[in-house]
Amino acid sequence: MPIVDYRDNAFKLGLIDKSEALPDTQDKFCRHALALGTNGKIIGCARITPDGCIDRMVVLPHSHQERIKAALSEILNDYAKQVKTTILPAPQSVFLAGSPPTRG
């Protein structure tokens, strides 16, 4: 599934705004990170823009949601170090979908 389709599905589930789901002029210049579930489907994604901003992060509800978010951030931070990009804060750009499932 292409990342744009994943973001569109996240929008349809009410997890992100439509503006975050649509491709923008920066998408083709960004480096994207994906988290895949054991079934091979995307369960999380994020990107780093050319100016070093990590944004468009969305992780589906999952028992390891916080760890997935941290792993996506770490991967993109490592990439930024490799290409010597400074990571800029993006306080409104991280979306977590719902809360982790509870076990009953």
C-alpha atoms as a PDB file:
ATOM      1  CA  MET A   1       0.000   0.000   0.000  1.00  0.00           C
ATOM      2  CA  PRO A   2       1.503   3.370  -0.967  1.00  0.00           C
ATOM      3  CA  ILE A   3       2.024   5.832   1.873  1.00  0.00           C
ATOM      4  CA  VAL A   4      -0.557   8.218   0.411  1.00  0.00           C
ATOM      5  CA  ASP A   5      -3.178   5.441   0.589  1.00  0.00           C
ATOM      6  CA  TYR A   6      -2.185   4.713   4.191  1.00  0.00           C
ATOM      7  CA  ARG A   7      -2.580   8.391   5.140  1.00  0.00           C
ATOM      8  CA  ASP A   8      -5.943   8.474   3.312  1.00  0.00           C
ATOM      9  CA  ASN A   9      -7.100   5.434   5.321  1.00  0.00           C
ATOM     10  CA  ALA A  10      -5.954   7.171   8.530  1.00  0.00           C
ATOM     11  CA  PHE A  11      -8.068  10.187   7.522  1.00  0.00           C
ATOM     12  CA  LYS A  12     -11.106   7.961   6.816  1.00  0.00           C
ATOM     13  CA  LEU A  13     -10.700   6.473  10.310  1.00  0.00           C
ATOM     14  CA  GLY A  14     -10.723   9.998  11.749  1.00  0.00           C
ATOM     15  CA  LEU A  15      -7.118   9.781  12.930  1.00  0.00           C
ATOM     16  CA  ILE A  16      -5.727  12.764  10.996  1.00  0.00           C
ATOM     17  CA  ASP A  17      -7.027  15.832   9.158  1.00  0.00           C
ATOM     18  CA  LYS A  18      -7.574  15.740   5.398  1.00  0.00           C
ATOM     19  CA  SER A  19      -4.712  18.228   4.949  1.00  0.00           C
ATOM     20  CA  GLU A  20      -2.336  15.711   6.557  1.00  0.00           C
ATOM     21  CA  ALA A  21      -3.609  12.881   4.352  1.00  0.00           C
ATOM     22  CA  LEU A  22      -3.124  14.595   0.997  1.00  0.00           C
ATOM     23  CA  PRO A  23       0.255  14.673  -0.713  1.00  0.00           C
ATOM     24  CA  ASP A  24       1.828  18.105  -0.679  1.00  0.00           C
ATOM     25  CA  THR A  25       4.589  19.781  -2.664  1.00  0.00           C
ATOM     26  CA  GLN A  26       7.235  18.496  -0.216  1.00  0.00           C
ATOM     27  CA  ASP A  27       6.267  14.799  -0.291  1.00  0.00           C
ATOM     28  CA  LYS A  28       8.544  13.883  -3.194  1.00  0.00           C
ATOM     29  CA  PHE A  29      11.531  15.553  -1.472  1.00  0.00           C
ATOM     30  CA  CYS A  30      10.954  13.946   1.945  1.00  0.00           C
ATOM     31  CA  ARG A  31      12.377  10.745   3.403  1.00  0.00           C
ATOM     32  CA  HIS A  32       9.590   8.523   4.744  1.00  0.00           C
ATOM     33  CA  ALA A  33       9.741   5.866   7.450  1.00  0.00           C
ATOM     34  CA  LEU A  34       7.201   3.057   7.715  1.00  0.00           C
ATOM     35  CA  ALA A  35       6.326   0.633  10.484  1.00  0.00           C
ATOM     36  CA  LEU A  36       4.939  -2.698   9.317  1.00  0.00           C
ATOM     37  CA  GLY A  37       2.846  -5.114  11.333  1.00  0.00           C
ATOM     38  CA  THR A  38       3.501  -8.852  11.419  1.00  0.00           C
ATOM     39  CA  ASN A  39       1.056  -9.222   8.513  1.00  0.00           C
ATOM     40  CA  GLY A  40       3.176  -6.864   6.386  1.00  0.00           C
ATOM     41  CA  LYS A  41       0.629  -4.023   6.427  1.00  0.00           C
ATOM     42  CA  ILE A  42       1.609  -0.476   7.329  1.00  0.00           C
ATOM     43  CA  ILE A  43       0.731   0.404  10.938  1.00  0.00           C
ATOM     44  CA  GLY A  44       2.655   3.663  11.169  1.00  0.00           C
ATOM     45  CA  CYS A  45       4.429   6.241   9.073  1.00  0.00           C
ATOM     46  CA  ALA A  46       6.289   9.530   9.364  1.00  0.00           C
ATOM     47  CA  ARG A  47       8.487  11.716   7.210  1.00  0.00           C
ATOM     48  CA  ILE A  48      11.341  14.156   7.515  1.00  0.00           C
ATOM     49  CA  THR A  49      11.257  17.230   5.302  1.00  0.00           C
ATOM     50  CA  PRO A  50      14.337  18.622   3.543  1.00  0.00           C
ATOM     51  CA  ASP A  51      14.563  21.340   6.209  1.00  0.00           C
ATOM     52  CA  GLY A  52      14.710  18.715   8.991  1.00  0.00           C
ATOM     53  CA  CYS A  53      11.134  18.726  10.311  1.00  0.00           C
ATOM     54  CA  ILE A  54       9.669  15.361  11.328  1.00  0.00           C
ATOM     55  CA  ASP A  55       5.979  15.492  10.564  1.00  0.00           C
ATOM     56  CA  ARG A  56       2.980  13.602   9.238  1.00  0.00           C
ATOM     57  CA  MET A  57       3.475  10.894  11.836  1.00  0.00           C
ATOM     58  CA  VAL A  58       0.509   8.634  12.398  1.00  0.00           C
ATOM     59  CA  VAL A  59       0.432   5.282  14.193  1.00  0.00           C
ATOM     60  CA  LEU A  60      -2.667   3.107  14.258  1.00  0.00           C
ATOM     61  CA  PRO A  61      -3.979   1.962  17.651  1.00  0.00           C
ATOM     62  CA  HIS A  62      -1.640  -0.773  18.803  1.00  0.00           C
ATOM     63  CA  SER A  63      -0.405  -2.167  22.113  1.00  0.00           C
ATOM     64  CA  HIS A  64       3.113  -0.945  21.200  1.00  0.00           C
ATOM     65  CA  GLN A  65       1.990   2.427  19.838  1.00  0.00           C
ATOM     66  CA  GLU A  66       4.449   4.534  21.842  1.00  0.00           C
ATOM     67  CA  ARG A  67       7.375   2.284  20.904  1.00  0.00           C
ATOM     68  CA  ILE A  68       6.411   2.445  17.233  1.00  0.00           C
ATOM     69  CA  LYS A  69       6.268   6.246  17.404  1.00  0.00           C
ATOM     70  CA  ALA A  70       9.679   6.343  19.101  1.00  0.00           C
ATOM     71  CA  ALA A  71      11.178   3.959  16.525  1.00  0.00           C
ATOM     72  CA  LEU A  72       9.914   6.056  13.604  1.00  0.00           C
ATOM     73  CA  SER A  73      11.390   9.188  15.202  1.00  0.00           C
ATOM     74  CA  GLU A  74      14.693   7.418  15.875  1.00  0.00           C
ATOM     75  CA  ILE A  75      14.975   6.192  12.287  1.00  0.00           C
ATOM     76  CA  LEU A  76      14.357   9.674  10.908  1.00  0.00           C
ATOM     77  CA  ASN A  77      16.737  11.258  13.442  1.00  0.00           C
ATOM     78  CA  ASP A  78      19.439   8.772  12.422  1.00  0.00           C
ATOM     79  CA  TYR A  79      18.841   9.638   8.788  1.00  0.00           C
ATOM     80  CA  ALA A  80      19.142  13.354   9.584  1.00  0.00           C
ATOM     81  CA  LYS A  81      22.493  12.724  11.307  1.00  0.00           C
ATOM     82  CA  GLN A  82      23.754  10.816   8.265  1.00  0.00           C
ATOM     83  CA  VAL A  83      22.898  13.684   5.937  1.00  0.00           C
ATOM     84  CA  LYS A  84      23.794  16.304   8.565  1.00  0.00           C
ATOM     85  CA  THR A  85      20.319  17.846   8.786  1.00  0.00           C
ATOM     86  CA  THR A  86      19.204  19.601  11.952  1.00  0.00           C
ATOM     87  CA  ILE A  87      15.898  18.310  13.293  1.00  0.00           C
ATOM     88  CA  LEU A  88      13.436  21.140  13.866  1.00  0.00           C
ATOM     89  CA  PRO A  89      10.670  20.897  16.457  1.00  0.00           C
ATOM     90  CA  ALA A  90       7.205  20.320  15.026  1.00  0.00           C
ATOM     91  CA  PRO A  91       4.842  20.411  18.012  1.00  0.00           C
ATOM     92  CA  GLN A  92       1.588  20.051  16.055  1.00  0.00           C
ATOM     93  CA  SER A  93       2.755  17.427  13.592  1.00  0.00           C
ATOM     94  CA  VAL A  94       2.695  14.155  15.561  1.00  0.00           C
ATOM     95  CA  PHE A  95      -0.550  12.212  15.600  1.00  0.00           C
ATOM     96  CA  LEU A  96      -1.249   9.115  17.643  1.00  0.00           C
ATOM     97  CA  ALA A  97      -4.409   7.310  16.759  1.00  0.00           C
ATOM     98  CA  GLY A  98      -6.542   6.503  19.780  1.00  0.00           C
ATOM     99  CA  SER A  99      -5.198   4.692  22.781  1.00  0.00           C
ATOM    100  CA  PRO A 100      -3.523   1.274  22.883  1.00  0.00           C
ATOM    101  CA  PRO A 101      -5.940  -1.637  23.052  1.00  0.00           C
ATOM    102  CA  THR A 102      -6.645  -2.980  26.507  1.00  0.00           C
ATOM    103  CA  ARG A 103      -6.492  -6.639  27.343  1.00  0.00           C
ATOM    104  CA  GLY A 104      -9.544  -8.084  28.943  1.00  0.00           C
END
